Protein backbone atom coordinates (compact mmCIF):
# COMPACT_ATOMS: atom_id res chain seq x y z
CA MET A 1 0.00 0.00 0.00
CA ASN A 2 2.78 2.42 1.01
CA LYS A 3 4.66 1.46 -2.15
CA ALA A 4 1.62 2.22 -4.32
CA ILE A 5 1.14 5.60 -2.66
CA LEU A 6 4.84 6.41 -3.18
CA MET A 7 4.62 5.53 -6.88
CA LEU A 8 1.47 7.67 -7.31
CA PHE A 9 3.16 10.62 -5.57
CA SER A 10 6.21 10.26 -7.83
CA MET A 11 4.04 10.32 -10.97
CA VAL A 12 2.21 13.48 -9.82
CA LEU A 13 5.53 15.19 -9.04
CA LEU A 14 6.97 14.24 -12.46
CA PHE A 15 3.89 15.62 -14.26
CA SER A 16 4.09 18.90 -12.32
CA VAL A 17 7.78 19.41 -13.14
CA SER A 18 7.15 18.62 -16.81
CA ALA A 19 4.27 21.10 -16.99
CA CYS A 20 6.32 23.87 -15.37
CA GLY A 21 9.15 23.21 -17.80
CA THR A 22 6.78 23.56 -20.75
CA LEU A 23 5.39 26.86 -19.48
CA ASN A 24 8.83 28.37 -18.84
CA ALA A 25 10.50 27.18 -22.05
CA PRO A 26 11.15 29.76 -24.78
CA GLN A 27 8.20 29.99 -27.17
CA GLU A 28 8.56 30.29 -30.90
CA LYS A 29 7.62 33.70 -32.22
CA PRO A 30 4.25 33.36 -33.94
CA GLU A 31 4.09 34.16 -37.60
CA VAL A 32 2.63 37.59 -38.16
CA GLY A 33 -0.03 37.49 -40.81
CA THR A 34 -0.73 40.36 -43.16
CA PRO A 35 -3.35 42.54 -41.46
CA PRO A 36 -6.58 42.84 -43.43
CA PRO A 37 -6.88 46.10 -45.37
CA ILE A 38 -8.91 48.78 -43.66
CA ALA A 39 -11.97 49.63 -45.69
CA SER A 40 -11.89 53.23 -46.83
CA GLN A 41 -14.76 55.48 -45.80
CA PRO A 42 -15.87 57.92 -48.49
CA LEU A 43 -16.78 61.47 -47.60
CA PRO A 44 -20.45 62.34 -47.27
CA GLU A 45 -21.91 62.60 -50.75
CA GLN A 46 -22.57 66.35 -50.74
CA GLU A 47 -19.03 67.26 -49.68
CA SER A 48 -17.52 64.75 -52.05
CA LEU A 49 -19.54 65.92 -55.06
CA GLN A 50 -18.69 69.56 -54.40
CA LEU A 51 -14.95 68.85 -54.32
CA ILE A 52 -15.08 66.50 -57.30
CA ASN A 53 -16.91 69.18 -59.29
CA GLU A 54 -14.16 71.65 -58.44
CA LEU A 55 -11.51 69.16 -59.54
CA LYS A 56 -13.36 68.73 -62.84
CA GLN A 57 -13.02 72.47 -63.46
CA PHE A 58 -9.23 72.19 -63.66
CA ASN A 59 -8.02 73.19 -67.11
CA GLY A 60 -5.93 70.13 -67.91
CA GLN A 61 -5.52 66.71 -66.29
CA ILE A 62 -5.70 66.30 -62.53
CA GLY A 63 -5.56 63.31 -60.22
CA LEU A 64 -6.10 63.13 -56.47
CA TYR A 65 -5.88 60.65 -53.66
CA ALA A 66 -6.57 61.98 -50.15
CA ARG A 67 -7.22 60.19 -46.89
CA ASN A 68 -7.52 61.00 -43.21
CA LEU A 69 -5.17 58.39 -41.73
CA LYS A 70 -7.03 58.54 -38.41
CA THR A 71 -10.62 58.04 -39.65
CA ASN A 72 -9.75 56.46 -43.01
CA GLN A 73 -12.16 58.77 -44.82
CA THR A 74 -11.07 59.24 -48.40
CA LEU A 75 -11.54 61.44 -51.43
CA GLN A 76 -10.24 60.31 -54.80
CA PHE A 77 -10.44 61.40 -58.41
CA ASN A 78 -8.38 59.94 -61.27
CA GLN A 79 -6.28 58.40 -58.52
CA ASN A 80 -4.94 55.71 -60.88
CA MET A 81 -4.15 58.00 -63.80
CA ILE A 82 -0.50 58.00 -64.93
CA PHE A 83 1.35 61.30 -64.39
CA PRO A 84 4.98 62.39 -64.61
CA THR A 85 6.50 62.22 -61.14
CA ALA A 86 8.57 65.38 -61.56
CA SER A 87 10.67 65.70 -58.39
CA THR A 88 8.47 63.43 -56.26
CA HIS A 89 10.54 60.54 -57.63
CA LYS A 90 13.25 61.70 -55.22
CA LEU A 91 11.23 60.09 -52.44
CA VAL A 92 11.68 56.66 -54.03
CA VAL A 93 15.41 57.22 -54.60
CA ALA A 94 15.89 58.23 -50.95
CA ILE A 95 14.03 55.13 -49.79
CA ALA A 96 16.14 52.90 -52.06
CA ILE A 97 19.38 54.34 -50.70
CA TYR A 98 18.39 53.86 -47.07
CA LYS A 99 16.89 50.41 -47.62
CA TYR A 100 19.41 48.76 -49.89
CA LEU A 101 22.69 50.72 -50.03
CA TYR A 102 23.07 52.21 -46.56
CA PRO A 103 23.50 48.93 -44.62
CA ASN A 104 26.74 48.02 -46.43
CA ALA A 105 28.14 51.55 -46.82
CA SER A 106 31.22 52.92 -45.08
CA VAL A 107 30.93 55.76 -42.59
CA SER A 108 32.03 58.33 -45.17
CA GLU A 109 29.62 56.90 -47.76
CA LYS A 110 26.75 57.09 -45.29
CA GLN A 111 27.55 60.73 -44.56
CA HIS A 112 27.58 61.43 -48.29
CA TYR A 113 24.23 59.68 -48.79
CA ASP A 114 22.72 61.59 -45.87
CA GLU A 115 23.79 64.95 -47.26
CA ASN A 116 22.53 64.23 -50.77
CA ILE A 117 19.19 62.98 -49.46
CA LYS A 118 18.86 66.07 -47.29
CA GLN A 119 19.47 68.29 -50.31
CA MET A 120 16.87 66.37 -52.32
CA MET A 121 14.21 66.63 -49.63
CA ILE A 122 14.72 70.24 -48.54
CA VAL A 123 15.69 72.09 -51.73
CA SER A 124 14.88 69.37 -54.32
CA ASP A 125 18.48 69.41 -55.52
CA ASN A 126 18.82 67.78 -58.95
CA PRO A 127 22.63 67.19 -58.93
CA ALA A 128 22.22 65.27 -55.65
CA PHE A 129 19.47 63.20 -57.26
CA TYR A 130 21.52 62.28 -60.32
CA GLU A 131 24.57 61.49 -58.22
CA LEU A 132 22.56 59.06 -56.10
CA LEU A 133 21.11 57.51 -59.25
CA ASP A 134 24.64 56.90 -60.53
CA ILE A 135 25.61 55.35 -57.20
CA ILE A 136 22.59 53.04 -57.30
CA GLU A 137 23.45 52.00 -60.85
CA ALA A 138 27.04 51.25 -59.87
CA LYS A 139 26.46 49.50 -56.55
CA GLN A 140 23.00 47.92 -56.68
CA PRO A 141 21.18 48.42 -59.99
CA ASP A 142 18.04 46.59 -58.85
CA ALA A 143 17.48 48.77 -55.74
CA LEU A 144 14.77 50.95 -57.29
CA THR A 145 12.95 47.98 -58.78
CA ARG A 146 13.07 46.22 -55.43
CA VAL A 147 11.47 49.20 -53.68
CA LEU A 148 8.70 49.33 -56.29
CA THR A 149 8.10 45.61 -55.81
CA ASP A 150 8.24 45.81 -52.01
CA LEU A 151 5.64 48.56 -51.95
CA ASN A 152 3.53 46.99 -54.71
CA LEU A 153 3.82 50.03 -56.98
CA VAL A 154 2.76 48.49 -60.27
CA ASN A 155 2.38 51.70 -62.30
CA THR A 156 5.36 53.65 -60.95
CA ARG A 157 8.60 53.78 -62.94
CA ILE A 158 11.71 55.68 -61.88
CA HIS A 159 14.31 56.78 -64.44
CA SER A 160 13.03 54.16 -66.86
CA ARG A 161 13.66 53.96 -70.61
CA GLU A 162 10.43 52.01 -71.00
CA ALA A 163 8.46 54.77 -69.27
CA PHE A 164 10.03 57.34 -71.60
CA LYS A 165 9.05 55.33 -74.67
CA GLU A 166 5.46 54.94 -73.46
CA TYR A 167 4.76 58.24 -71.72
CA GLY A 168 7.48 60.66 -72.82
CA TYR A 169 8.85 60.92 -69.26
CA HIS A 170 11.49 58.79 -67.57
CA SER A 171 9.61 58.70 -64.25
CA VAL A 172 5.86 58.21 -63.87
CA THR A 173 3.44 57.34 -61.10
CA THR A 174 -0.18 57.70 -60.02
CA PRO A 175 -1.59 59.88 -57.24
CA TYR A 176 -2.57 56.73 -55.34
CA GLU A 177 0.80 55.01 -55.62
CA MET A 178 2.81 58.04 -54.58
CA SER A 179 0.48 58.41 -51.61
CA LEU A 180 1.56 54.89 -50.60
CA VAL A 181 5.20 55.97 -50.78
CA PHE A 182 4.56 58.95 -48.52
CA GLU A 183 2.43 56.97 -46.08
CA THR A 184 5.18 54.34 -45.89
CA ILE A 185 7.64 57.03 -44.82
CA TYR A 186 5.22 58.54 -42.33
CA ASN A 187 4.24 55.24 -40.71
CA GLU A 188 7.90 54.15 -40.35
CA THR A 189 6.90 50.62 -41.36
CA TYR A 190 9.34 50.00 -44.20
CA LEU A 191 12.52 51.89 -43.37
CA GLY A 192 12.18 51.76 -39.59
CA LYS A 193 12.09 54.66 -37.17
CA GLU A 194 15.62 56.04 -37.68
CA PHE A 195 15.55 56.63 -41.43
CA SER A 196 11.86 57.49 -41.55
CA SER A 197 12.35 60.14 -38.86
CA ILE A 198 15.19 61.70 -40.84
CA LEU A 199 13.05 61.94 -43.97
CA LYS A 200 10.04 63.27 -42.05
CA GLU A 201 12.11 66.00 -40.45
CA GLU A 202 13.57 67.05 -43.80
CA LEU A 203 10.19 66.96 -45.55
CA SER A 204 8.73 69.21 -42.85
CA ASN A 205 11.51 71.76 -43.46
CA THR A 206 11.37 72.02 -47.24
CA ILE A 207 11.78 75.52 -48.66
CA PHE A 208 8.72 75.07 -50.89
CA GLN A 209 5.56 76.46 -49.35
CA GLU A 210 3.43 77.42 -52.35
CA GLU A 211 1.28 74.33 -52.90
CA ILE A 212 -0.22 72.18 -50.11
CA PRO A 213 1.02 74.34 -47.18
CA ARG A 214 0.06 77.76 -48.61
CA PHE A 215 -3.31 78.14 -46.89
CA LEU A 216 -2.55 75.81 -43.99
CA GLN A 217 -0.40 78.12 -41.90
CA GLY A 218 0.07 76.91 -38.34
CA LYS A 219 -0.34 73.27 -39.35
CA LYS A 220 2.58 70.85 -39.55
CA VAL A 221 2.98 69.91 -43.21
CA LEU A 222 5.43 67.34 -44.54
CA HIS A 223 5.50 67.30 -48.33
CA LYS A 224 7.43 66.91 -51.56
CA VAL A 225 6.65 69.06 -54.57
CA GLY A 226 7.42 68.41 -58.20
CA GLU A 227 7.46 70.74 -61.18
CA LEU A 228 8.28 70.43 -64.86
CA PRO A 229 7.05 72.49 -67.83
CA GLY A 230 3.31 71.86 -67.83
CA VAL A 231 3.53 69.60 -64.78
CA GLN A 232 2.83 70.49 -61.15
CA CYS A 233 2.36 68.09 -58.24
CA ASP A 234 2.59 67.84 -54.49
CA VAL A 235 2.27 64.93 -52.09
CA GLY A 236 2.26 65.33 -48.35
CA ILE A 237 0.70 64.98 -44.94
CA ILE A 238 -0.94 67.59 -42.74
CA ASP A 239 -0.61 66.69 -39.07
CA ASP A 240 -2.56 69.11 -36.89
CA GLY A 241 -2.21 67.07 -33.70
CA GLN A 242 -5.66 65.52 -34.08
CA ASN A 243 -5.95 64.69 -37.76
CA VAL A 244 -3.34 63.19 -40.06
CA ILE A 245 -4.42 63.94 -43.61
CA LEU A 246 -2.60 62.60 -46.64
CA ILE A 247 -2.95 64.47 -49.95
CA SER A 248 -1.45 63.41 -53.28
CA LEU A 249 -2.20 65.75 -56.19
CA TYR A 250 -0.83 65.58 -59.74
CA THR A 251 -1.59 67.89 -62.65
CA THR A 252 -0.67 68.56 -66.25
CA THR A 253 -1.83 71.70 -68.02
CA LYS A 254 -1.11 74.07 -70.89
CA GLN A 255 -1.99 77.03 -68.67
CA GLN A 256 0.84 79.32 -67.64
CA PRO A 257 2.23 79.26 -64.09
CA PRO A 258 1.12 79.80 -61.40
CA TYR A 259 -2.26 78.40 -62.52
CA ALA A 260 -1.65 74.82 -61.34
CA SER A 261 0.16 75.91 -58.19
CA ASN A 262 -2.74 78.16 -57.21
CA PHE A 263 -5.24 75.40 -57.90
CA ILE A 264 -3.33 72.84 -55.80
CA ALA A 265 -3.01 75.29 -52.90
CA ASP A 266 -6.72 76.16 -52.95
CA ILE A 267 -8.09 72.64 -53.35
CA SER A 268 -5.67 71.22 -50.75
CA ALA A 269 -7.05 73.56 -48.09
CA LYS A 270 -10.61 72.57 -49.02
CA ILE A 271 -9.76 68.87 -48.94
CA TYR A 272 -8.13 69.28 -45.53
CA ASN A 273 -11.20 71.09 -44.19
CA ALA A 274 -13.55 68.46 -45.56
CA LEU A 275 -11.61 65.50 -44.21
CA GLN A 276 -10.83 66.95 -40.79
CA SER A 277 -14.32 68.37 -40.21
CA SER A 278 -15.84 64.95 -40.79
CA ASN A 279 -14.15 63.45 -37.71
CA PRO A 280 -16.68 61.77 -35.41
């Protein structure tokens, strides 16, 4: 009898030790699934129609994608139309440098990359852009294509012969796809906090204040403008401390400057007001 009790006690003790060992053992990190896309919420019909009608009055081609990143309310018009990127392609080049060239660069190379990227973001410096393009071509020619693939930008081409043959411009995008580029920087999901913070700081200190920020004084605006003959665009985020509103606007027109610039400035303020005033 005593022997049976002893054996039973031993079995209970062994089970308890085994269970504790299982609980305290390192657990494998669970696979993180892709989160389901958040359904966009269109603006109320009256507000949306009024703004769309204004966009239709633009003398030329215009495309817009705008979204309040807090409420997910959206406004879009020709958001998938192909436009020349103008200088907004510098965003993609900066991302490619930080993502694919920076990790293996020397200290002096990193300092050189940082300075060129800063010049591209703040003053939209073209020599800095072309120098970084040459570096990408020499060190990692697939870096730009990899960024486009990573971000699922199927219509965007950067410094592409094929784009030039088809559209007459070496770099093209859509308002929607460039909004994804900017949101990627803002959310710090792709480059990580360090590099994203650098870009966000530089984009908030650009010297260009004539398009999205013009009528939004007192609001924090991070943005990147682009301009070519007959082409005007701006993509950015207005962060007022409560709302975070993304606006991506592209235009082509035969009208003389500052027609497109004035239109972008005016409609951006109206879009901001519509999206932020619709907060619950």
